[in-house]
Amino acid sequence: GQVAGALYLDSLFTEKAFAEREAALLTILTDQAAVALENARLHQSMVVDRVTGVFVPAYVDGILERELDRCKRYGRLLSILRVDLDRFQVINDFHGSEAGNEILREVCGILRKGIRLVDLLGRGAEDEFDVMLPETERAEALRLANRLRTEIATWPFQAGGRDVNVTVSVGVLTCPTDAGTLTELRERLNEA
């Protein structure tokens, strides 16, 4: 197959570092390590969007369901931002899909820098991103939404050597007040 890495082992004590039996065991070990690396790569490709590097919607939905359950069970708060790029199709049509993908990556970079380590950023639809904010009240989520919206609006985006004006609309929901189930949450986010 394909080379996944290299492992160098040596012995300071003998000329022939390993006996035949030890070499066979090391071969088994390296084969198992290669399988583990491939499994990790496959797992990552299933949970991370290849264009933006953020979590895919199905993975985000699983986390959201668990967080909604935690909200109900322990009376915790969970705020969610729905970040929707305005006129993204126009950007794609005018500048091309690769330029659009680059803008998506830059927007994700801005979003990542603006949130805490405990928050989760994931892809929604083509031009939407969801930011999950555990233990965050609505007022704090609104402040963050406005800060991110302003940061994106003032960012110097470029496509093909030309300046591109990128703006976003940001909806804010706080659970369990605004939604108690994933279905309700998705419906409300689409309205937000």
Protein backbone atom coordinates (compact mmCIF):
# COMPACT_ATOMS: atom_id res chain seq x y z
CA GLY A 1 0.00 0.00 0.00
CA GLN A 2 0.80 3.49 0.91
CA VAL A 3 3.55 4.73 3.23
CA ALA A 4 2.00 6.29 6.34
CA GLY A 5 5.23 6.98 8.21
CA ALA A 6 8.56 5.52 9.21
CA LEU A 7 9.81 3.85 12.35
CA TYR A 8 13.52 3.49 13.05
CA LEU A 9 14.66 1.12 15.79
CA ASP A 10 18.24 0.29 16.68
CA SER A 11 20.18 -1.42 19.41
CA LEU A 12 23.31 -0.08 21.03
CA PHE A 13 24.28 -3.45 22.41
CA THR A 14 24.40 -5.88 19.52
CA GLU A 15 25.47 -5.83 15.91
CA LYS A 16 22.27 -7.44 14.75
CA ALA A 17 19.70 -5.28 16.51
CA PHE A 18 16.76 -7.70 16.49
CA ALA A 19 16.26 -11.42 16.26
CA GLU A 20 13.91 -12.81 13.61
CA ARG A 21 11.07 -13.23 16.13
CA GLU A 22 11.44 -9.65 17.40
CA ALA A 23 11.52 -8.33 13.82
CA ALA A 24 8.28 -10.21 13.09
CA LEU A 25 6.63 -8.68 16.17
CA LEU A 26 7.80 -5.21 15.13
CA THR A 27 6.29 -5.78 11.68
CA ILE A 28 2.96 -6.63 13.32
CA LEU A 29 3.26 -3.52 15.51
CA THR A 30 3.94 -1.23 12.54
CA ASP A 31 1.06 -2.79 10.57
CA GLN A 32 -1.29 -2.10 13.49
CA ALA A 33 0.01 1.47 13.76
CA ALA A 34 -0.65 1.98 10.04
CA VAL A 35 -4.22 0.71 10.47
CA ALA A 36 -4.75 3.05 13.43
CA LEU A 37 -3.43 6.01 11.41
CA GLU A 38 -5.71 5.14 8.49
CA ASN A 39 -8.71 4.82 10.82
CA ALA A 40 -7.93 8.24 12.29
CA ARG A 41 -7.67 9.72 8.79
CA LEU A 42 -11.00 8.17 7.79
CA HIS A 43 -12.66 9.39 10.98
CA GLN A 44 -11.39 12.92 10.37
CA SER A 45 -12.66 12.88 6.79
CA MET A 46 -16.12 11.95 8.11
CA VAL A 47 -16.35 14.69 10.77
CA VAL A 48 -14.37 17.56 9.21
CA ASP A 49 -15.49 19.51 6.15
CA ARG A 50 -12.76 19.26 3.51
CA VAL A 51 -13.24 22.84 2.24
CA THR A 52 -13.34 24.76 5.52
CA GLY A 53 -11.76 22.44 8.07
CA VAL A 54 -14.71 22.80 10.46
CA PHE A 55 -17.06 20.06 11.62
CA VAL A 56 -19.64 18.68 9.17
CA PRO A 57 -23.38 19.17 9.88
CA ALA A 58 -24.03 15.55 10.89
CA TYR A 59 -21.30 15.70 13.54
CA VAL A 60 -22.57 19.08 14.80
CA ASP A 61 -26.10 17.65 15.06
CA GLY A 62 -24.84 14.84 17.27
CA ILE A 63 -23.08 17.27 19.59
CA LEU A 64 -26.12 19.59 19.61
CA GLU A 65 -28.41 16.74 20.64
CA ARG A 66 -26.16 15.90 23.58
CA GLU A 67 -25.90 19.57 24.58
CA LEU A 68 -29.68 20.05 24.34
CA ASP A 69 -30.12 17.02 26.59
CA ARG A 70 -27.63 18.53 29.05
CA CYS A 71 -29.59 21.82 28.99
CA LYS A 72 -32.82 20.04 29.88
CA ARG A 73 -31.33 17.67 32.41
CA TYR A 74 -29.14 20.12 34.34
CA GLY A 75 -30.83 23.45 33.60
CA ARG A 76 -27.82 24.68 31.62
CA LEU A 77 -27.77 27.32 28.91
CA LEU A 78 -26.66 26.81 25.35
CA SER A 79 -26.60 29.60 22.80
CA ILE A 80 -26.17 28.98 19.10
CA LEU A 81 -25.15 31.45 16.44
CA ARG A 82 -26.21 30.85 12.85
CA VAL A 83 -23.75 32.76 10.67
CA ASP A 84 -25.03 33.17 7.11
CA LEU A 85 -22.87 34.75 4.41
CA ASP A 86 -24.86 37.41 2.59
CA ARG A 87 -24.96 37.19 -1.24
CA PHE A 88 -22.49 34.29 -1.26
CA GLN A 89 -23.88 32.90 -4.51
CA VAL A 90 -23.07 36.23 -6.20
CA ILE A 91 -19.47 35.96 -4.94
CA ASN A 92 -19.25 32.41 -6.29
CA ASP A 93 -20.82 33.35 -9.64
CA PHE A 94 -18.62 36.42 -10.15
CA HIS A 95 -15.28 35.22 -8.74
CA GLY A 96 -15.58 31.43 -9.12
CA SER A 97 -16.03 28.59 -6.67
CA GLU A 98 -12.35 28.39 -5.66
CA ALA A 99 -12.41 32.06 -4.65
CA GLY A 100 -15.66 31.35 -2.82
CA ASN A 101 -14.03 28.45 -0.99
CA GLU A 102 -11.12 30.67 0.02
CA ILE A 103 -13.55 33.23 1.42
CA LEU A 104 -15.32 30.46 3.35
CA ARG A 105 -11.97 29.39 4.82
CA GLU A 106 -11.14 32.97 5.81
CA VAL A 107 -14.55 33.45 7.43
CA CYS A 108 -13.98 30.24 9.40
CA GLY A 109 -10.59 31.55 10.51
CA ILE A 110 -12.22 34.74 11.81
CA LEU A 111 -14.93 32.74 13.57
CA ARG A 112 -12.37 30.37 15.16
CA LYS A 113 -10.31 33.26 16.49
CA GLY A 114 -13.40 34.91 17.93
CA ILE A 115 -14.72 32.01 19.97
CA ARG A 116 -13.57 30.17 23.08
CA LEU A 117 -11.90 26.76 23.08
CA VAL A 118 -15.05 25.20 24.59
CA ASP A 119 -17.21 26.51 21.74
CA LEU A 120 -17.83 24.46 18.62
CA LEU A 121 -17.80 25.71 15.03
CA GLY A 122 -19.50 23.66 12.36
CA ARG A 123 -20.75 23.93 8.82
CA GLY A 124 -24.45 24.34 8.22
CA ALA A 125 -25.54 24.67 4.62
CA GLU A 126 -23.23 25.82 1.82
CA ASP A 127 -22.90 29.36 3.11
CA GLU A 128 -23.91 28.87 6.76
CA PHE A 129 -21.98 28.10 9.90
CA ASP A 130 -23.23 27.26 13.38
CA VAL A 131 -21.35 28.26 16.50
CA MET A 132 -22.33 26.38 19.64
CA LEU A 133 -21.72 28.35 22.83
CA PRO A 134 -22.17 26.24 25.98
CA GLU A 135 -23.01 28.04 29.23
CA THR A 136 -23.66 31.29 27.38
CA GLU A 137 -26.57 33.64 28.04
CA ARG A 138 -28.38 35.37 25.18
CA ALA A 139 -26.93 38.82 25.96
CA GLU A 140 -23.37 37.47 25.79
CA ALA A 141 -24.16 35.57 22.58
CA LEU A 142 -25.60 38.75 21.02
CA ARG A 143 -22.44 40.68 21.88
CA LEU A 144 -20.32 37.96 20.30
CA ALA A 145 -22.57 37.86 17.21
CA ASN A 146 -22.17 41.61 16.72
CA ARG A 147 -18.41 41.46 17.25
CA LEU A 148 -18.03 38.64 14.70
CA ARG A 149 -20.34 40.37 12.21
CA THR A 150 -18.29 43.58 12.46
CA GLU A 151 -14.97 41.71 12.22
CA ILE A 152 -16.07 39.95 9.03
CA ALA A 153 -17.52 43.14 7.49
CA THR A 154 -14.23 44.98 8.00
CA TRP A 155 -11.92 42.12 6.96
CA PRO A 156 -9.93 42.80 3.75
CA PHE A 157 -11.18 39.85 1.66
CA GLN A 158 -9.66 39.40 -1.80
CA ALA A 159 -10.55 37.27 -4.80
CA GLY A 160 -8.46 37.31 -7.95
CA GLY A 161 -6.58 40.38 -6.76
CA ARG A 162 -9.80 42.32 -6.22
CA ASP A 163 -11.32 43.48 -2.96
CA VAL A 164 -14.48 41.62 -2.04
CA ASN A 165 -17.04 42.98 0.37
CA VAL A 166 -18.22 40.12 2.60
CA THR A 167 -20.96 40.55 5.16
CA VAL A 168 -22.85 38.07 7.29
CA SER A 169 -26.18 37.88 9.02
CA VAL A 170 -26.09 36.26 12.44
CA GLY A 171 -29.07 34.72 14.18
CA VAL A 172 -28.95 33.91 17.89
CA LEU A 173 -30.89 31.25 19.77
CA THR A 174 -30.60 30.31 23.42
CA CYS A 175 -31.72 26.93 24.66
CA PRO A 176 -33.76 25.66 26.29
CA THR A 177 -35.84 28.88 25.98
CA ASP A 178 -35.92 29.05 22.16
CA ALA A 179 -35.87 25.34 21.35
CA GLY A 180 -35.93 22.07 23.25
CA THR A 181 -35.27 19.54 20.51
CA LEU A 182 -32.89 19.35 17.59
CA THR A 183 -35.81 19.58 15.15
CA GLU A 184 -37.11 22.74 16.83
CA LEU A 185 -33.60 24.14 16.94
CA ARG A 186 -33.03 23.54 13.21
CA GLU A 187 -36.40 25.13 12.35
CA ARG A 188 -35.69 28.17 14.51
CA LEU A 189 -32.14 28.53 13.16
CA ASN A 190 -33.50 28.57 9.62
CA GLU A 191 -35.84 31.39 10.66
CA ALA A 192 -33.16 33.31 12.61
